[in-house]
Amino acid sequence: MPKIKTHRGAAKRFKLTGSGKFKRNKAFKQHILTSKSRKRKRNMRHAGMVAEVDMSSVRQMLPNHH
């Protein structure tokens, strides 16, 4: 059996927390920011958590992160 490879794009986007959840950055913060409110942009600075329904997909992409 060959080694299981890590999905490199996912490895750059998700970080594992101590409790075993995955931390992620918020979307929609790259461009066209003039039409978004200051409060909305400020709230996008803070990291979010990967939803429970998406955890299996992320774990499959990052098999060596546990």
PDB file of N, CA and C in Angstrom:
ATOM      1  N   MET A   1       0.833  -1.197   0.000  1.00  0.00           N
ATOM      2  CA  MET A   1       0.000   0.000   0.000  1.00  0.00           C
ATOM      3  C   MET A   1       0.876   1.258   0.000  1.00  0.00           C
ATOM      4  N   PRO A   2       0.565   2.212  -0.872  1.00  0.00           N
ATOM      5  CA  PRO A   2       1.321   3.468  -0.845  1.00  0.00           C
ATOM      6  C   PRO A   2       0.934   4.314   0.374  1.00  0.00           C
ATOM      7  N   LYS A   3       1.764   5.296   0.656  1.00  0.00           N
ATOM      8  CA  LYS A   3       1.465   6.204   1.766  1.00  0.00           C
ATOM      9  C   LYS A   3       0.232   7.037   1.429  1.00  0.00           C
ATOM     10  N   ILE A   4      -0.496   7.433   2.463  1.00  0.00           N
ATOM     11  CA  ILE A   4      -1.650   8.309   2.277  1.00  0.00           C
ATOM     12  C   ILE A   4      -1.141   9.737   2.215  1.00  0.00           C
ATOM     13  N   LYS A   5      -1.529  10.462   1.170  1.00  0.00           N
ATOM     14  CA  LYS A   5      -1.051  11.827   1.008  1.00  0.00           C
ATOM     15  C   LYS A   5      -2.034  12.836   1.601  1.00  0.00           C
ATOM     16  N   THR A   6      -1.470  13.889   2.143  1.00  0.00           N
ATOM     17  CA  THR A   6      -2.248  14.996   2.671  1.00  0.00           C
ATOM     18  C   THR A   6      -2.667  15.911   1.525  1.00  0.00           C
ATOM     19  N   HIS A   7      -3.898  16.393   1.575  1.00  0.00           N
ATOM     20  CA  HIS A   7      -4.384  17.381   0.603  1.00  0.00           C
ATOM     21  C   HIS A   7      -3.730  18.709   0.967  1.00  0.00           C
ATOM     22  N   ARG A   8      -2.778  19.166   0.142  1.00  0.00           N
ATOM     23  CA  ARG A   8      -1.965  20.326   0.506  1.00  0.00           C
ATOM     24  C   ARG A   8      -2.779  21.619   0.593  1.00  0.00           C
ATOM     25  N   GLY A   9      -3.803  21.752  -0.247  1.00  0.00           N
ATOM     26  CA  GLY A   9      -4.653  22.935  -0.173  1.00  0.00           C
ATOM     27  C   GLY A   9      -5.399  23.004   1.146  1.00  0.00           C
ATOM     28  N   ALA A  10      -5.886  21.855   1.617  1.00  0.00           N
ATOM     29  CA  ALA A  10      -6.598  21.799   2.896  1.00  0.00           C
ATOM     30  C   ALA A  10      -5.640  22.033   4.062  1.00  0.00           C
ATOM     31  N   ALA A  11      -4.412  21.540   3.942  1.00  0.00           N
ATOM     32  CA  ALA A  11      -3.429  21.700   5.017  1.00  0.00           C
ATOM     33  C   ALA A  11      -3.099  23.171   5.248  1.00  0.00           C
ATOM     34  N   LYS A  12      -3.165  23.977   4.194  1.00  0.00           N
ATOM     35  CA  LYS A  12      -2.869  25.398   4.318  1.00  0.00           C
ATOM     36  C   LYS A  12      -4.059  26.179   4.877  1.00  0.00           C
ATOM     37  N   ARG A  13      -5.256  25.610   4.817  1.00  0.00           N
ATOM     38  CA  ARG A  13      -6.466  26.326   5.213  1.00  0.00           C
ATOM     39  C   ARG A  13      -6.981  25.970   6.592  1.00  0.00           C
ATOM     40  N   PHE A  14      -6.669  24.779   7.080  1.00  0.00           N
ATOM     41  CA  PHE A  14      -7.225  24.318   8.356  1.00  0.00           C
ATOM     42  C   PHE A  14      -6.123  24.022   9.352  1.00  0.00           C
ATOM     43  N   LYS A  15      -6.386  24.392  10.633  1.00  0.00           N
ATOM     44  CA  LYS A  15      -5.465  24.080  11.716  1.00  0.00           C
ATOM     45  C   LYS A  15      -6.240  23.323  12.780  1.00  0.00           C
ATOM     46  N   LEU A  16      -5.626  22.302  13.322  1.00  0.00           N
ATOM     47  CA  LEU A  16      -6.267  21.480  14.340  1.00  0.00           C
ATOM     48  C   LEU A  16      -6.138  22.144  15.704  1.00  0.00           C
ATOM     49  N   THR A  17      -7.229  22.191  16.463  1.00  0.00           N
ATOM     50  CA  THR A  17      -7.198  22.745  17.812  1.00  0.00           C
ATOM     51  C   THR A  17      -6.902  21.627  18.808  1.00  0.00           C
ATOM     52  N   GLY A  18      -6.677  21.993  20.039  1.00  0.00           N
ATOM     53  CA  GLY A  18      -6.379  21.004  21.077  1.00  0.00           C
ATOM     54  C   GLY A  18      -7.523  20.047  21.340  1.00  0.00           C
ATOM     55  N   SER A  19      -8.749  20.510  21.128  1.00  0.00           N
ATOM     56  CA  SER A  19      -9.921  19.664  21.381  1.00  0.00           C
ATOM     57  C   SER A  19     -10.269  18.776  20.189  1.00  0.00           C
ATOM     58  N   GLY A  20      -9.475  18.868  19.104  1.00  0.00           N
ATOM     59  CA  GLY A  20      -9.709  17.997  17.956  1.00  0.00           C
ATOM     60  C   GLY A  20     -10.602  18.601  16.888  1.00  0.00           C
ATOM     61  N   LYS A  21     -10.966  19.865  17.042  1.00  0.00           N
ATOM     62  CA  LYS A  21     -11.765  20.537  16.019  1.00  0.00           C
ATOM     63  C   LYS A  21     -10.818  21.252  15.059  1.00  0.00           C
ATOM     64  N   PHE A  22     -11.359  21.659  13.903  1.00  0.00           N
ATOM     65  CA  PHE A  22     -10.544  22.359  12.918  1.00  0.00           C
ATOM     66  C   PHE A  22     -10.929  23.835  12.874  1.00  0.00           C
ATOM     67  N   LYS A  23      -9.912  24.696  12.913  1.00  0.00           N
ATOM     68  CA  LYS A  23     -10.073  26.131  12.839  1.00  0.00           C
ATOM     69  C   LYS A  23      -9.966  26.526  11.376  1.00  0.00           C
ATOM     70  N   ARG A  24     -10.754  27.526  10.966  1.00  0.00           N
ATOM     71  CA  ARG A  24     -10.734  27.984   9.577  1.00  0.00           C
ATOM     72  C   ARG A  24     -10.872  29.497   9.551  1.00  0.00           C
ATOM     73  N   ASN A  25     -10.510  30.092   8.421  1.00  0.00           N
ATOM     74  CA  ASN A  25     -10.695  31.524   8.240  1.00  0.00           C
ATOM     75  C   ASN A  25     -12.036  31.782   7.568  1.00  0.00           C
ATOM     76  N   LYS A  26     -12.562  32.977   7.780  1.00  0.00           N
ATOM     77  CA  LYS A  26     -13.842  33.341   7.184  1.00  0.00           C
ATOM     78  C   LYS A  26     -13.655  33.681   5.704  1.00  0.00           C
ATOM     79  N   ALA A  27     -14.693  33.438   4.927  1.00  0.00           N
ATOM     80  CA  ALA A  27     -14.664  33.723   3.487  1.00  0.00           C
ATOM     81  C   ALA A  27     -15.114  35.153   3.215  1.00  0.00           C
ATOM     82  N   PHE A  28     -14.977  35.588   1.964  1.00  0.00           N
ATOM     83  CA  PHE A  28     -15.451  36.887   1.459  1.00  0.00           C
ATOM     84  C   PHE A  28     -14.667  38.075   2.016  1.00  0.00           C
ATOM     85  N   LYS A  29     -13.377  37.921   2.294  1.00  0.00           N
ATOM     86  CA  LYS A  29     -12.577  39.012   2.851  1.00  0.00           C
ATOM     87  C   LYS A  29     -11.466  39.425   1.883  1.00  0.00           C
ATOM     88  N   GLN A  30     -11.492  38.976   0.626  1.00  0.00           N
ATOM     89  CA  GLN A  30     -10.384  39.213  -0.288  1.00  0.00           C
ATOM     90  C   GLN A  30     -10.515  40.504  -1.085  1.00  0.00           C
ATOM     91  N   HIS A  31     -11.661  40.766  -1.650  1.00  0.00           N
ATOM     92  CA  HIS A  31     -11.817  41.945  -2.519  1.00  0.00           C
ATOM     93  C   HIS A  31     -13.268  42.387  -2.511  1.00  0.00           C
ATOM     94  N   ILE A  32     -13.544  43.512  -3.195  1.00  0.00           N
ATOM     95  CA  ILE A  32     -14.870  44.157  -3.199  1.00  0.00           C
ATOM     96  C   ILE A  32     -15.309  44.429  -1.748  1.00  0.00           C
ATOM     97  N   LEU A  33     -14.408  45.033  -0.982  1.00  0.00           N
ATOM     98  CA  LEU A  33     -14.685  45.269   0.429  1.00  0.00           C
ATOM     99  C   LEU A  33     -15.420  46.583   0.675  1.00  0.00           C
ATOM    100  N   THR A  34     -15.483  47.434  -0.346  1.00  0.00           N
ATOM    101  CA  THR A  34     -16.125  48.739  -0.155  1.00  0.00           C
ATOM    102  C   THR A  34     -17.624  48.603   0.060  1.00  0.00           C
ATOM    103  N   SER A  35     -18.224  47.566  -0.487  1.00  0.00           N
ATOM    104  CA  SER A  35     -19.666  47.388  -0.345  1.00  0.00           C
ATOM    105  C   SER A  35     -20.046  46.661   0.941  1.00  0.00           C
ATOM    106  N   LYS A  36     -19.052  46.207   1.697  1.00  0.00           N
ATOM    107  CA  LYS A  36     -19.326  45.487   2.945  1.00  0.00           C
ATOM    108  C   LYS A  36     -19.155  46.440   4.128  1.00  0.00           C
ATOM    109  N   SER A  37     -19.979  46.252   5.132  1.00  0.00           N
ATOM    110  CA  SER A  37     -19.942  47.158   6.282  1.00  0.00           C
ATOM    111  C   SER A  37     -18.685  46.920   7.116  1.00  0.00           C
ATOM    112  N   ARG A  38     -18.327  47.930   7.896  1.00  0.00           N
ATOM    113  CA  ARG A  38     -17.147  47.849   8.756  1.00  0.00           C
ATOM    114  C   ARG A  38     -17.301  46.716   9.772  1.00  0.00           C
ATOM    115  N   LYS A  39     -18.495  46.574  10.310  1.00  0.00           N
ATOM    116  CA  LYS A  39     -18.773  45.522  11.295  1.00  0.00           C
ATOM    117  C   LYS A  39     -18.609  44.136  10.675  1.00  0.00           C
ATOM    118  N   ARG A  40     -19.104  43.986   9.459  1.00  0.00           N
ATOM    119  CA  ARG A  40     -19.017  42.697   8.764  1.00  0.00           C
ATOM    120  C   ARG A  40     -17.569  42.318   8.495  1.00  0.00           C
ATOM    121  N   LYS A  41     -16.764  43.293   8.043  1.00  0.00           N
ATOM    122  CA  LYS A  41     -15.347  43.046   7.765  1.00  0.00           C
ATOM    123  C   LYS A  41     -14.586  42.740   9.052  1.00  0.00           C
ATOM    124  N   ARG A  42     -14.924  43.447  10.114  1.00  0.00           N
ATOM    125  CA  ARG A  42     -14.274  43.227  11.411  1.00  0.00           C
ATOM    126  C   ARG A  42     -14.561  41.830  11.940  1.00  0.00           C
ATOM    127  N   ASN A  43     -15.799  41.371  11.787  1.00  0.00           N
ATOM    128  CA  ASN A  43     -16.167  40.034  12.249  1.00  0.00           C
ATOM    129  C   ASN A  43     -15.513  38.937  11.423  1.00  0.00           C
ATOM    130  N   MET A  44     -15.128  39.247  10.195  1.00  0.00           N
ATOM    131  CA  MET A  44     -14.466  38.252   9.345  1.00  0.00           C
ATOM    132  C   MET A  44     -13.005  38.032   9.725  1.00  0.00           C
ATOM    133  N   ARG A  45     -12.441  38.922  10.570  1.00  0.00           N
ATOM    134  CA  ARG A  45     -11.059  38.742  11.015  1.00  0.00           C
ATOM    135  C   ARG A  45     -10.909  37.522  11.912  1.00  0.00           C
ATOM    136  N   HIS A  46     -11.936  37.249  12.696  1.00  0.00           N
ATOM    137  CA  HIS A  46     -11.855  36.174  13.682  1.00  0.00           C
ATOM    138  C   HIS A  46     -12.047  34.816  13.011  1.00  0.00           C
ATOM    139  N   ALA A  47     -11.317  33.846  13.495  1.00  0.00           N
ATOM    140  CA  ALA A  47     -11.391  32.502  12.935  1.00  0.00           C
ATOM    141  C   ALA A  47     -12.723  31.851  13.283  1.00  0.00           C
ATOM    142  N   GLY A  48     -13.160  30.941  12.420  1.00  0.00           N
ATOM    143  CA  GLY A  48     -14.359  30.167  12.677  1.00  0.00           C
ATOM    144  C   GLY A  48     -13.968  28.708  12.852  1.00  0.00           C
ATOM    145  N   MET A  49     -14.935  27.891  13.188  1.00  0.00           N
ATOM    146  CA  MET A  49     -14.710  26.455  13.323  1.00  0.00           C
ATOM    147  C   MET A  49     -15.396  25.732  12.164  1.00  0.00           C
ATOM    148  N   VAL A  50     -14.811  24.627  11.749  1.00  0.00           N
ATOM    149  CA  VAL A  50     -15.413  23.814  10.697  1.00  0.00           C
ATOM    150  C   VAL A  50     -16.674  23.172  11.273  1.00  0.00           C
ATOM    151  N   ALA A  51     -17.773  23.227  10.536  1.00  0.00           N
ATOM    152  CA  ALA A  51     -19.041  22.671  10.987  1.00  0.00           C
ATOM    153  C   ALA A  51     -18.938  21.150  11.135  1.00  0.00           C
ATOM    154  N   GLU A  52     -19.772  20.620  12.003  1.00  0.00           N
ATOM    155  CA  GLU A  52     -19.756  19.182  12.308  1.00  0.00           C
ATOM    156  C   GLU A  52     -20.016  18.337  11.058  1.00  0.00           C
ATOM    157  N   VAL A  53     -20.885  18.827  10.155  1.00  0.00           N
ATOM    158  CA  VAL A  53     -21.208  18.071   8.943  1.00  0.00           C
ATOM    159  C   VAL A  53     -20.034  18.006   7.967  1.00  0.00           C
ATOM    160  N   ASP A  54     -19.092  18.959   8.067  1.00  0.00           N
ATOM    161  CA  ASP A  54     -17.942  18.988   7.167  1.00  0.00           C
ATOM    162  C   ASP A  54     -16.699  18.332   7.763  1.00  0.00           C
ATOM    163  N   MET A  55     -16.755  17.931   9.033  1.00  0.00           N
ATOM    164  CA  MET A  55     -15.577  17.390   9.710  1.00  0.00           C
ATOM    165  C   MET A  55     -15.049  16.128   9.039  1.00  0.00           C
ATOM    166  N   SER A  56     -15.926  15.243   8.581  1.00  0.00           N
ATOM    167  CA  SER A  56     -15.474  13.997   7.960  1.00  0.00           C
ATOM    168  C   SER A  56     -14.715  14.283   6.669  1.00  0.00           C
ATOM    169  N   SER A  57     -15.168  15.282   5.895  1.00  0.00           N
ATOM    170  CA  SER A  57     -14.480  15.649   4.656  1.00  0.00           C
ATOM    171  C   SER A  57     -13.091  16.192   4.945  1.00  0.00           C
ATOM    172  N   VAL A  58     -12.984  17.065   5.952  1.00  0.00           N
ATOM    173  CA  VAL A  58     -11.695  17.668   6.298  1.00  0.00           C
ATOM    174  C   VAL A  58     -10.755  16.600   6.848  1.00  0.00           C
ATOM    175  N   ARG A  59     -11.272  15.709   7.680  1.00  0.00           N
ATOM    176  CA  ARG A  59     -10.436  14.632   8.243  1.00  0.00           C
ATOM    177  C   ARG A  59      -9.905  13.713   7.149  1.00  0.00           C
ATOM    178  N   GLN A  60     -10.714  13.476   6.118  1.00  0.00           N
ATOM    179  CA  GLN A  60     -10.297  12.632   5.007  1.00  0.00           C
ATOM    180  C   GLN A  60      -9.186  13.294   4.202  1.00  0.00           C
ATOM    181  N   MET A  61      -9.247  14.632   4.074  1.00  0.00           N
ATOM    182  CA  MET A  61      -8.217  15.364   3.358  1.00  0.00           C
ATOM    183  C   MET A  61      -6.931  15.494   4.165  1.00  0.00           C
ATOM    184  N   LEU A  62      -7.062  15.446   5.500  1.00  0.00           N
ATOM    185  CA  LEU A  62      -5.893  15.591   6.382  1.00  0.00           C
ATOM    186  C   LEU A  62      -5.758  14.343   7.261  1.00  0.00           C
ATOM    187  N   PRO A  63      -5.386  13.215   6.674  1.00  0.00           N
ATOM    188  CA  PRO A  63      -5.349  11.969   7.428  1.00  0.00           C
ATOM    189  C   PRO A  63      -4.252  11.917   8.487  1.00  0.00           C
ATOM    190  N   ASN A  64      -3.168  12.670   8.297  1.00  0.00           N
ATOM    191  CA  ASN A  64      -2.049  12.594   9.238  1.00  0.00           C
ATOM    192  C   ASN A  64      -2.113  13.654  10.323  1.00  0.00           C
ATOM    193  N   HIS A  65      -3.184  14.443  10.345  1.00  0.00           N
ATOM    194  CA  HIS A  65      -3.362  15.459  11.380  1.00  0.00           C
ATOM    195  C   HIS A  65      -4.380  14.944  12.363  1.00  0.00           C
ATOM    196  N   HIS A  66      -3.901  14.453  13.501  1.00  0.00           N
ATOM    197  CA  HIS A  66      -4.867  13.979  14.513  1.00  0.00           C
ATOM    198  C   HIS A  66      -4.417  14.268  15.906  1.00  0.00           C
TER     199      HIS A  66
END
